[in-house]
Full PDB file with SEQRES, HELIX, SHEET, SSBOND, CRYST1, ORIGX, SCALE, CONECT and MASTER records, all heavy atoms in Angstrom:
SEQRES   1 A   33  ILE TRP TYR VAL ILE THR LYS LEU GLY ILE PHE THR PRO          
SEQRES   2 A   33  THR LEU LEU PRO GLY PRO ALA ARG VAL TRP ARG ALA PHE          
SEQRES   3 A   33  LEU ARG ILE LEU ALA GLU GLY                                  
HELIX    1 AA1 TRP A    2  LEU A    8  1                                   7    
HELIX    2 AA2 PRO A   19  GLU A   32  1                                  14    
CRYST1    1.000    1.000    1.000  90.00  90.00  90.00 P 1           1          
ORIGX1      1.000000  0.000000  0.000000        0.00000                         
ORIGX2      0.000000  1.000000  0.000000        0.00000                         
ORIGX3      0.000000  0.000000  1.000000        0.00000                         
SCALE1      1.000000  0.000000  0.000000        0.00000                         
SCALE2      0.000000  1.000000  0.000000        0.00000                         
SCALE3      0.000000  0.000000  1.000000        0.00000                         
ATOM      1  N   ILE A   1     -24.761 -36.650   9.304  1.00  0.00           N  
ATOM      2  CA  ILE A   1     -24.092 -36.072  10.475  1.00  0.00           C  
ATOM      3  C   ILE A   1     -23.221 -34.890  10.057  1.00  0.00           C  
ATOM      4  O   ILE A   1     -23.206 -33.838  10.726  1.00  0.00           O  
ATOM      5  CB  ILE A   1     -23.261 -37.157  11.201  1.00  0.00           C  
ATOM      6  CG1 ILE A   1     -24.186 -38.206  11.820  1.00  0.00           C  
ATOM      7  CG2 ILE A   1     -22.378 -36.526  12.275  1.00  0.00           C  
ATOM      8  CD1 ILE A   1     -23.462 -39.432  12.342  1.00  0.00           C  
ATOM      9  N   TRP A   2     -22.497 -35.064   8.970  1.00  0.00           N  
ATOM     10  CA  TRP A   2     -21.663 -33.988   8.425  1.00  0.00           C  
ATOM     11  C   TRP A   2     -22.521 -32.755   8.101  1.00  0.00           C  
ATOM     12  O   TRP A   2     -22.180 -31.626   8.470  1.00  0.00           O  
ATOM     13  CB  TRP A   2     -20.939 -34.503   7.184  1.00  0.00           C  
ATOM     14  CG  TRP A   2     -20.061 -33.507   6.474  1.00  0.00           C  
ATOM     15  CD1 TRP A   2     -19.573 -32.330   6.976  1.00  0.00           C  
ATOM     16  CD2 TRP A   2     -19.558 -33.622   5.141  1.00  0.00           C  
ATOM     17  NE1 TRP A   2     -18.800 -31.693   6.024  1.00  0.00           N  
ATOM     18  CE2 TRP A   2     -18.777 -32.469   4.893  1.00  0.00           C  
ATOM     19  CE3 TRP A   2     -19.694 -34.589   4.143  1.00  0.00           C  
ATOM     20  CZ2 TRP A   2     -18.129 -32.259   3.672  1.00  0.00           C  
ATOM     21  CZ3 TRP A   2     -19.048 -34.384   2.935  1.00  0.00           C  
ATOM     22  CH2 TRP A   2     -18.278 -33.229   2.703  1.00  0.00           C  
ATOM     23  N   TYR A   3     -23.658 -32.984   7.439  1.00  0.00           N  
ATOM     24  CA  TYR A   3     -24.557 -31.883   7.057  1.00  0.00           C  
ATOM     25  C   TYR A   3     -25.126 -31.189   8.295  1.00  0.00           C  
ATOM     26  O   TYR A   3     -25.157 -29.953   8.372  1.00  0.00           O  
ATOM     27  CB  TYR A   3     -25.684 -32.433   6.185  1.00  0.00           C  
ATOM     28  CG  TYR A   3     -26.722 -31.408   5.815  1.00  0.00           C  
ATOM     29  CD1 TYR A   3     -26.490 -30.478   4.796  1.00  0.00           C  
ATOM     30  CD2 TYR A   3     -27.948 -31.349   6.494  1.00  0.00           C  
ATOM     31  CE1 TYR A   3     -27.440 -29.531   4.464  1.00  0.00           C  
ATOM     32  CE2 TYR A   3     -28.912 -30.408   6.166  1.00  0.00           C  
ATOM     33  CZ  TYR A   3     -28.643 -29.499   5.150  1.00  0.00           C  
ATOM     34  OH  TYR A   3     -29.592 -28.554   4.832  1.00  0.00           O  
ATOM     35  N   VAL A   4     -25.565 -31.963   9.277  1.00  0.00           N  
ATOM     36  CA  VAL A   4     -26.169 -31.389  10.480  1.00  0.00           C  
ATOM     37  C   VAL A   4     -25.144 -30.561  11.258  1.00  0.00           C  
ATOM     38  O   VAL A   4     -25.441 -29.453  11.733  1.00  0.00           O  
ATOM     39  CB  VAL A   4     -26.758 -32.509  11.369  1.00  0.00           C  
ATOM     40  CG1 VAL A   4     -27.163 -31.948  12.737  1.00  0.00           C  
ATOM     41  CG2 VAL A   4     -27.959 -33.150  10.691  1.00  0.00           C  
ATOM     42  N   ILE A   5     -23.923 -31.086  11.394  1.00  0.00           N  
ATOM     43  CA  ILE A   5     -22.877 -30.358  12.136  1.00  0.00           C  
ATOM     44  C   ILE A   5     -22.585 -29.013  11.478  1.00  0.00           C  
ATOM     45  O   ILE A   5     -22.456 -27.980  12.158  1.00  0.00           O  
ATOM     46  CB  ILE A   5     -21.599 -31.212  12.225  1.00  0.00           C  
ATOM     47  CG1 ILE A   5     -21.815 -32.394  13.170  1.00  0.00           C  
ATOM     48  CG2 ILE A   5     -20.410 -30.372  12.710  1.00  0.00           C  
ATOM     49  CD1 ILE A   5     -20.649 -33.355  13.229  1.00  0.00           C  
ATOM     50  N   THR A   6     -22.491 -29.012  10.143  1.00  0.00           N  
ATOM     51  CA  THR A   6     -22.219 -27.746   9.446  1.00  0.00           C  
ATOM     52  C   THR A   6     -23.406 -26.804   9.517  1.00  0.00           C  
ATOM     53  O   THR A   6     -23.228 -25.580   9.586  1.00  0.00           O  
ATOM     54  CB  THR A   6     -21.852 -28.013   7.975  1.00  0.00           C  
ATOM     55  OG1 THR A   6     -22.888 -28.806   7.344  1.00  0.00           O  
ATOM     56  CG2 THR A   6     -20.539 -28.767   7.873  1.00  0.00           C  
ATOM     57  N   LYS A   7     -24.620 -27.327   9.511  1.00  0.00           N  
ATOM     58  CA  LYS A   7     -25.813 -26.486   9.615  1.00  0.00           C  
ATOM     59  C   LYS A   7     -25.923 -25.839  10.999  1.00  0.00           C  
ATOM     60  O   LYS A   7     -26.349 -24.688  11.133  1.00  0.00           O  
ATOM     61  CB  LYS A   7     -27.063 -27.313   9.316  1.00  0.00           C  
ATOM     62  CG  LYS A   7     -27.456 -27.363   7.845  1.00  0.00           C  
ATOM     63  CD  LYS A   7     -27.850 -25.984   7.353  1.00  0.00           C  
ATOM     64  CE  LYS A   7     -28.258 -26.004   5.891  1.00  0.00           C  
ATOM     65  NZ  LYS A   7     -28.582 -24.634   5.401  1.00  0.00           N  
ATOM     66  N   LEU A   8     -25.560 -26.595  12.028  1.00  0.00           N  
ATOM     67  CA  LEU A   8     -25.631 -26.068  13.391  1.00  0.00           C  
ATOM     68  C   LEU A   8     -24.506 -25.075  13.683  1.00  0.00           C  
ATOM     69  O   LEU A   8     -24.548 -24.385  14.706  1.00  0.00           O  
ATOM     70  CB  LEU A   8     -25.573 -27.226  14.404  1.00  0.00           C  
ATOM     71  CG  LEU A   8     -26.781 -28.174  14.410  1.00  0.00           C  
ATOM     72  CD1 LEU A   8     -26.530 -29.333  15.371  1.00  0.00           C  
ATOM     73  CD2 LEU A   8     -28.062 -27.425  14.788  1.00  0.00           C  
ATOM     74  N   GLY A   9     -23.504 -25.042  12.814  1.00  0.00           N  
ATOM     75  CA  GLY A   9     -22.407 -24.096  12.995  1.00  0.00           C  
ATOM     76  C   GLY A   9     -21.485 -24.438  14.141  1.00  0.00           C  
ATOM     77  O   GLY A   9     -20.891 -23.546  14.762  1.00  0.00           O  
ATOM     78  N   ILE A  10     -21.377 -25.727  14.459  1.00  0.00           N  
ATOM     79  CA  ILE A  10     -20.482 -26.144  15.537  1.00  0.00           C  
ATOM     80  C   ILE A  10     -19.035 -25.781  15.205  1.00  0.00           C  
ATOM     81  O   ILE A  10     -18.270 -25.382  16.086  1.00  0.00           O  
ATOM     82  CB  ILE A  10     -20.630 -27.661  15.792  1.00  0.00           C  
ATOM     83  CG1 ILE A  10     -22.069 -27.976  16.247  1.00  0.00           C  
ATOM     84  CG2 ILE A  10     -19.626 -28.143  16.827  1.00  0.00           C  
ATOM     85  CD1 ILE A  10     -22.360 -29.444  16.387  1.00  0.00           C  
ATOM     86  N   PHE A  11     -18.670 -25.924  13.941  1.00  0.00           N  
ATOM     87  CA  PHE A  11     -17.358 -25.504  13.457  1.00  0.00           C  
ATOM     88  C   PHE A  11     -17.546 -24.449  12.380  1.00  0.00           C  
ATOM     89  O   PHE A  11     -18.553 -24.445  11.686  1.00  0.00           O  
ATOM     90  CB  PHE A  11     -16.575 -26.694  12.883  1.00  0.00           C  
ATOM     91  CG  PHE A  11     -16.294 -27.780  13.877  1.00  0.00           C  
ATOM     92  CD1 PHE A  11     -17.085 -28.925  13.905  1.00  0.00           C  
ATOM     93  CD2 PHE A  11     -15.248 -27.677  14.769  1.00  0.00           C  
ATOM     94  CE1 PHE A  11     -16.833 -29.934  14.809  1.00  0.00           C  
ATOM     95  CE2 PHE A  11     -14.988 -28.674  15.682  1.00  0.00           C  
ATOM     96  CZ  PHE A  11     -15.782 -29.807  15.706  1.00  0.00           C  
ATOM     97  N   THR A  12     -16.575 -23.591  12.243  1.00  0.00           N  
ATOM     98  CA  THR A  12     -16.646 -22.574  11.199  1.00  0.00           C  
ATOM     99  C   THR A  12     -16.451 -23.235   9.828  1.00  0.00           C  
ATOM    100  O   THR A  12     -15.794 -24.282   9.728  1.00  0.00           O  
ATOM    101  CB  THR A  12     -15.551 -21.504  11.404  1.00  0.00           C  
ATOM    102  OG1 THR A  12     -14.260 -22.136  11.270  1.00  0.00           O  
ATOM    103  CG2 THR A  12     -15.678 -20.867  12.770  1.00  0.00           C  
ATOM    104  N   PRO A  13     -17.001 -22.633   8.759  1.00  0.00           N  
ATOM    105  CA  PRO A  13     -16.823 -23.203   7.416  1.00  0.00           C  
ATOM    106  C   PRO A  13     -15.360 -23.345   7.006  1.00  0.00           C  
ATOM    107  O   PRO A  13     -15.036 -24.201   6.177  1.00  0.00           O  
ATOM    108  CB  PRO A  13     -17.557 -22.193   6.521  1.00  0.00           C  
ATOM    109  CG  PRO A  13     -18.547 -21.538   7.412  1.00  0.00           C  
ATOM    110  CD  PRO A  13     -17.894 -21.472   8.760  1.00  0.00           C  
ATOM    111  N   THR A  14     -14.487 -22.532   7.596  1.00  0.00           N  
ATOM    112  CA  THR A  14     -13.059 -22.642   7.271  1.00  0.00           C  
ATOM    113  C   THR A  14     -12.481 -23.965   7.774  1.00  0.00           C  
ATOM    114  O   THR A  14     -11.637 -24.578   7.126  1.00  0.00           O  
ATOM    115  CB  THR A  14     -12.281 -21.474   7.890  1.00  0.00           C  
ATOM    116  OG1 THR A  14     -12.844 -20.245   7.428  1.00  0.00           O  
ATOM    117  CG2 THR A  14     -10.809 -21.534   7.506  1.00  0.00           C  
ATOM    118  N   LEU A  15     -12.974 -24.413   8.942  1.00  0.00           N  
ATOM    119  CA  LEU A  15     -12.488 -25.672   9.509  1.00  0.00           C  
ATOM    120  C   LEU A  15     -13.247 -26.870   8.951  1.00  0.00           C  
ATOM    121  O   LEU A  15     -12.651 -27.922   8.696  1.00  0.00           O  
ATOM    122  CB  LEU A  15     -12.620 -25.636  11.037  1.00  0.00           C  
ATOM    123  CG  LEU A  15     -11.765 -24.605  11.771  1.00  0.00           C  
ATOM    124  CD1 LEU A  15     -12.047 -24.661  13.268  1.00  0.00           C  
ATOM    125  CD2 LEU A  15     -10.280 -24.849  11.502  1.00  0.00           C  
ATOM    126  N   LEU A  16     -14.560 -26.728   8.795  1.00  0.00           N  
ATOM    127  CA  LEU A  16     -15.382 -27.842   8.310  1.00  0.00           C  
ATOM    128  C   LEU A  16     -16.407 -27.309   7.309  1.00  0.00           C  
ATOM    129  O   LEU A  16     -17.489 -26.865   7.687  1.00  0.00           O  
ATOM    130  CB  LEU A  16     -16.092 -28.538   9.474  1.00  0.00           C  
ATOM    131  CG  LEU A  16     -16.946 -29.755   9.100  1.00  0.00           C  
ATOM    132  CD1 LEU A  16     -16.065 -30.864   8.524  1.00  0.00           C  
ATOM    133  CD2 LEU A  16     -17.714 -30.268  10.313  1.00  0.00           C  
ATOM    134  N   PRO A  17     -16.068 -27.359   6.013  1.00  0.00           N  
ATOM    135  CA  PRO A  17     -17.019 -26.891   5.001  1.00  0.00           C  
ATOM    136  C   PRO A  17     -18.180 -27.865   4.861  1.00  0.00           C  
ATOM    137  O   PRO A  17     -18.041 -29.067   5.111  1.00  0.00           O  
ATOM    138  CB  PRO A  17     -16.175 -26.841   3.731  1.00  0.00           C  
ATOM    139  CG  PRO A  17     -15.118 -27.881   3.948  1.00  0.00           C  
ATOM    140  CD  PRO A  17     -14.825 -27.867   5.426  1.00  0.00           C  
ATOM    141  N   GLY A  18     -19.330 -27.363   4.453  1.00  0.00           N  
ATOM    142  CA  GLY A  18     -20.494 -28.213   4.263  1.00  0.00           C  
ATOM    143  C   GLY A  18     -20.395 -29.039   2.992  1.00  0.00           C  
ATOM    144  O   GLY A  18     -19.579 -28.742   2.112  1.00  0.00           O  
ATOM    145  N   PRO A  19     -21.229 -30.073   2.871  1.00  0.00           N  
ATOM    146  CA  PRO A  19     -21.208 -30.911   1.661  1.00  0.00           C  
ATOM    147  C   PRO A  19     -21.437 -30.122   0.380  1.00  0.00           C  
ATOM    148  O   PRO A  19     -20.793 -30.394  -0.644  1.00  0.00           O  
ATOM    149  CB  PRO A  19     -22.344 -31.908   1.915  1.00  0.00           C  
ATOM    150  CG  PRO A  19     -22.495 -31.952   3.395  1.00  0.00           C  
ATOM    151  CD  PRO A  19     -22.166 -30.580   3.877  1.00  0.00           C  
ATOM    152  N   ALA A  20     -22.345 -29.121   0.430  1.00  0.00           N  
ATOM    153  CA  ALA A  20     -22.633 -28.333  -0.769  1.00  0.00           C  
ATOM    154  C   ALA A  20     -21.404 -27.536  -1.208  1.00  0.00           C  
ATOM    155  O   ALA A  20     -21.094 -27.452  -2.407  1.00  0.00           O  
ATOM    156  CB  ALA A  20     -23.809 -27.400  -0.500  1.00  0.00           C  
ATOM    157  N   ARG A  21     -20.698 -26.969  -0.240  1.00  0.00           N  
ATOM    158  CA  ARG A  21     -19.495 -26.192  -0.563  1.00  0.00           C  
ATOM    159  C   ARG A  21     -18.402 -27.085  -1.143  1.00  0.00           C  
ATOM    160  O   ARG A  21     -17.703 -26.688  -2.094  1.00  0.00           O  
ATOM    161  CB  ARG A  21     -18.995 -25.477   0.700  1.00  0.00           C  
ATOM    162  CG  ARG A  21     -17.801 -24.576   0.460  1.00  0.00           C  
ATOM    163  CD  ARG A  21     -17.364 -23.885   1.740  1.00  0.00           C  
ATOM    164  NE  ARG A  21     -16.110 -23.188   1.566  1.00  0.00           N  
ATOM    165  CZ  ARG A  21     -15.443 -22.594   2.535  1.00  0.00           C  
ATOM    166  NH1 ARG A  21     -15.924 -22.604   3.773  1.00  0.00           N  
ATOM    167  NH2 ARG A  21     -14.297 -21.982   2.295  1.00  0.00           N  
ATOM    168  N   VAL A  22     -18.247 -28.267  -0.597  1.00  0.00           N  
ATOM    169  CA  VAL A  22     -17.245 -29.210  -1.122  1.00  0.00           C  
ATOM    170  C   VAL A  22     -17.612 -29.639  -2.538  1.00  0.00           C  
ATOM    171  O   VAL A  22     -16.744 -29.744  -3.414  1.00  0.00           O  
ATOM    172  CB  VAL A  22     -17.129 -30.438  -0.188  1.00  0.00           C  
ATOM    173  CG1 VAL A  22     -16.239 -31.508  -0.815  1.00  0.00           C  
ATOM    174  CG2 VAL A  22     -16.580 -30.030   1.165  1.00  0.00           C  
ATOM    175  N   TRP A  23     -18.895 -29.862  -2.782  1.00  0.00           N  
ATOM    176  CA  TRP A  23     -19.349 -30.252  -4.116  1.00  0.00           C  
ATOM    177  C   TRP A  23     -19.058 -29.148  -5.135  1.00  0.00           C  
ATOM    178  O   TRP A  23     -18.601 -29.414  -6.244  1.00  0.00           O  
ATOM    179  CB  TRP A  23     -20.832 -30.586  -4.084  1.00  0.00           C  
ATOM    180  CG  TRP A  23     -21.415 -30.908  -5.422  1.00  0.00           C  
ATOM    181  CD1 TRP A  23     -22.295 -30.158  -6.145  1.00  0.00           C  
ATOM    182  CD2 TRP A  23     -21.162 -32.075  -6.229  1.00  0.00           C  
ATOM    183  NE1 TRP A  23     -22.600 -30.769  -7.339  1.00  0.00           N  
ATOM    184  CE2 TRP A  23     -21.915 -31.957  -7.417  1.00  0.00           C  
ATOM    185  CE3 TRP A  23     -20.367 -33.202  -6.052  1.00  0.00           C  
ATOM    186  CZ2 TRP A  23     -21.901 -32.911  -8.413  1.00  0.00           C  
ATOM    187  CZ3 TRP A  23     -20.342 -34.163  -7.055  1.00  0.00           C  
ATOM    188  CH2 TRP A  23     -21.102 -34.020  -8.211  1.00  0.00           C  
ATOM    189  N   ARG A  24     -19.316 -27.888  -4.743  1.00  0.00           N  
ATOM    190  CA  ARG A  24     -19.040 -26.759  -5.650  1.00  0.00           C  
ATOM    191  C   ARG A  24     -17.546 -26.640  -5.924  1.00  0.00           C  
ATOM    192  O   ARG A  24     -17.125 -26.352  -7.053  1.00  0.00           O  
ATOM    193  CB  ARG A  24     -19.578 -25.457  -5.050  1.00  0.00           C  
ATOM    194  CG  ARG A  24     -21.096 -25.342  -5.064  1.00  0.00           C  
ATOM    195  CD  ARG A  24     -21.547 -23.910  -4.776  1.00  0.00           C  
ATOM    196  NE  ARG A  24     -21.135 -23.480  -3.449  1.00  0.00           N  
ATOM    197  CZ  ARG A  24     -21.876 -23.629  -2.360  1.00  0.00           C  
ATOM    198  NH1 ARG A  24     -23.073 -24.210  -2.444  1.00  0.00           N  
ATOM    199  NH2 ARG A  24     -21.452 -23.206  -1.177  1.00  0.00           N  
ATOM    200  N   ALA A  25     -16.733 -26.897  -4.885  1.00  0.00           N  
ATOM    201  CA  ALA A  25     -15.279 -26.853  -5.081  1.00  0.00           C  
ATOM    202  C   ALA A  25     -14.832 -27.949  -6.053  1.00  0.00           C  
ATOM    203  O   ALA A  25     -13.962 -27.713  -6.900  1.00  0.00           O  
ATOM    204  CB  ALA A  25     -14.566 -27.017  -3.737  1.00  0.00           C  
ATOM    205  N   PHE A  26     -15.438 -29.120  -5.931  1.00  0.00           N  
ATOM    206  CA  PHE A  26     -15.103 -30.222  -6.847  1.00  0.00           C  
ATOM    207  C   PHE A  26     -15.446 -29.854  -8.289  1.00  0.00           C  
ATOM    208  O   PHE A  26     -14.638 -30.066  -9.208  1.00  0.00           O  
ATOM    209  CB  PHE A  26     -15.841 -31.493  -6.434  1.00  0.00           C  
ATOM    210  CG  PHE A  26     -15.761 -32.599  -7.445  1.00  0.00           C  
ATOM    211  CD1 PHE A  26     -14.570 -33.269  -7.672  1.00  0.00           C  
ATOM    212  CD2 PHE A  26     -16.874 -32.949  -8.198  1.00  0.00           C  
ATOM    213  CE1 PHE A  26     -14.495 -34.285  -8.621  1.00  0.00           C  
ATOM    214  CE2 PHE A  26     -16.807 -33.957  -9.136  1.00  0.00           C  
ATOM    215  CZ  PHE A  26     -15.613 -34.621  -9.349  1.00  0.00           C  
ATOM    216  N   LEU A  27     -16.643 -29.281  -8.492  1.00  0.00           N  
ATOM    217  CA  LEU A  27     -17.047 -28.885  -9.852  1.00  0.00           C  
ATOM    218  C   LEU A  27     -16.123 -27.804 -10.401  1.00  0.00           C  
ATOM    219  O   LEU A  27     -15.783 -27.819 -11.592  1.00  0.00           O  
ATOM    220  CB  LEU A  27     -18.494 -28.398  -9.837  1.00  0.00           C  
ATOM    221  CG  LEU A  27     -19.565 -29.452  -9.504  1.00  0.00           C  
ATOM    222  CD1 LEU A  27     -20.953 -28.812  -9.477  1.00  0.00           C  
ATOM    223  CD2 LEU A  27     -19.532 -30.604 -10.507  1.00  0.00           C  
ATOM    224  N   ARG A  28     -15.711 -26.881  -9.531  1.00  0.00           N  
ATOM    225  CA  ARG A  28     -14.806 -25.814  -9.969  1.00  0.00           C  
ATOM    226  C   ARG A  28     -13.445 -26.382 -10.370  1.00  0.00           C  
ATOM    227  O   ARG A  28     -12.883 -26.012 -11.410  1.00  0.00           O  
ATOM    228  CB  ARG A  28     -14.645 -24.793  -8.842  1.00  0.00           C  
ATOM    229  CG  ARG A  28     -13.808 -23.577  -9.231  1.00  0.00           C  
ATOM    230  CD  ARG A  28     -13.758 -22.538  -8.123  1.00  0.00           C  
ATOM    231  NE  ARG A  28     -13.018 -22.999  -6.951  1.00  0.00           N  
ATOM    232  CZ  ARG A  28     -13.572 -23.351  -5.804  1.00  0.00           C  
ATOM    233  NH1 ARG A  28     -14.894 -23.317  -5.651  1.00  0.00           N  
ATOM    234  NH2 ARG A  28     -12.829 -23.763  -4.785  1.00  0.00           N  
ATOM    235  N   ILE A  29     -12.922 -27.304  -9.550  1.00  0.00           N  
ATOM    236  CA  ILE A  29     -11.623 -27.921  -9.871  1.00  0.00           C  
ATOM    237  C   ILE A  29     -11.736 -28.775 -11.122  1.00  0.00           C  
ATOM    238  O   ILE A  29     -10.821 -28.814 -11.960  1.00  0.00           O  
ATOM    239  CB  ILE A  29     -11.120 -28.755  -8.675  1.00  0.00           C  
ATOM    240  CG1 ILE A  29     -10.793 -27.844  -7.493  1.00  0.00           C  
ATOM    241  CG2 ILE A  29      -9.892 -29.576  -9.052  1.00  0.00           C  
ATOM    242  CD1 ILE A  29     -10.486 -28.591  -6.209  1.00  0.00           C  
ATOM    243  N   LEU A  30     -12.854 -29.461 -11.276  1.00  0.00           N  
ATOM    244  CA  LEU A  30     -13.070 -30.301 -12.458  1.00  0.00           C  
ATOM    245  C   LEU A  30     -13.089 -29.458 -13.725  1.00  0.00           C  
ATOM    246  O   LEU A  30     -12.580 -29.881 -14.773  1.00  0.00           O  
ATOM    247  CB  LEU A  30     -14.385 -31.066 -12.309  1.00  0.00           C  
ATOM    248  CG  LEU A  30     -14.644 -32.216 -13.280  1.00  0.00           C  
ATOM    249  CD1 LEU A  30     -13.601 -33.310 -13.109  1.00  0.00           C  
ATOM    250  CD2 LEU A  30     -16.037 -32.799 -13.065  1.00  0.00           C  
ATOM    251  N   ALA A  31     -13.674 -28.259 -13.634  1.00  0.00           N  
ATOM    252  CA  ALA A  31     -13.786 -27.396 -14.810  1.00  0.00           C  
ATOM    253  C   ALA A  31     -12.528 -26.568 -15.053  1.00  0.00           C  
ATOM    254  O   ALA A  31     -12.086 -26.415 -16.205  1.00  0.00           O  
ATOM    255  CB  ALA A  31     -14.997 -26.470 -14.650  1.00  0.00           C  
ATOM    256  N   GLU A  32     -11.938 -26.038 -13.977  1.00  0.00           N  
ATOM    257  CA  GLU A  32     -10.839 -25.086 -14.131  1.00  0.00           C  
ATOM    258  C   GLU A  32      -9.481 -25.651 -13.717  1.00  0.00           C  
ATOM    259  O   GLU A  32      -8.443 -25.043 -14.003  1.00  0.00           O  
ATOM    260  CB  GLU A  32     -11.124 -23.831 -13.292  1.00  0.00           C  
ATOM    261  CG  GLU A  32     -12.453 -23.163 -13.633  1.00  0.00           C  
ATOM    262  CD  GLU A  32     -12.806 -22.058 -12.648  1.00  0.00           C  
ATOM    263  OE1 GLU A  32     -11.958 -21.768 -11.769  1.00  0.00           O  
ATOM    264  OE2 GLU A  32     -13.912 -21.503 -12.745  1.00  0.00           O  
ATOM    265  N   GLY A  33      -9.476 -26.797 -13.010  1.00  0.00           N  
ATOM    266  CA  GLY A  33      -8.224 -27.326 -12.485  1.00  0.00           C  
ATOM    267  C   GLY A  33      -7.846 -26.648 -11.185  1.00  0.00           C  
ATOM    268  O   GLY A  33      -8.609 -25.840 -10.640  1.00  0.00           O  
TER     269      GLY A  33                                                      
MASTER        0    0    0    2    0    0    0    6  268    1    0    3          
END                                                                             
């Protein structure tokens, strides 16, 4: 549901980032803090 909502663009990425974007942010924080 989270993926579909972000794909349909119901909310802007600033308000509701997609799972892929959150995953990349996690990897970035894990590597760089």
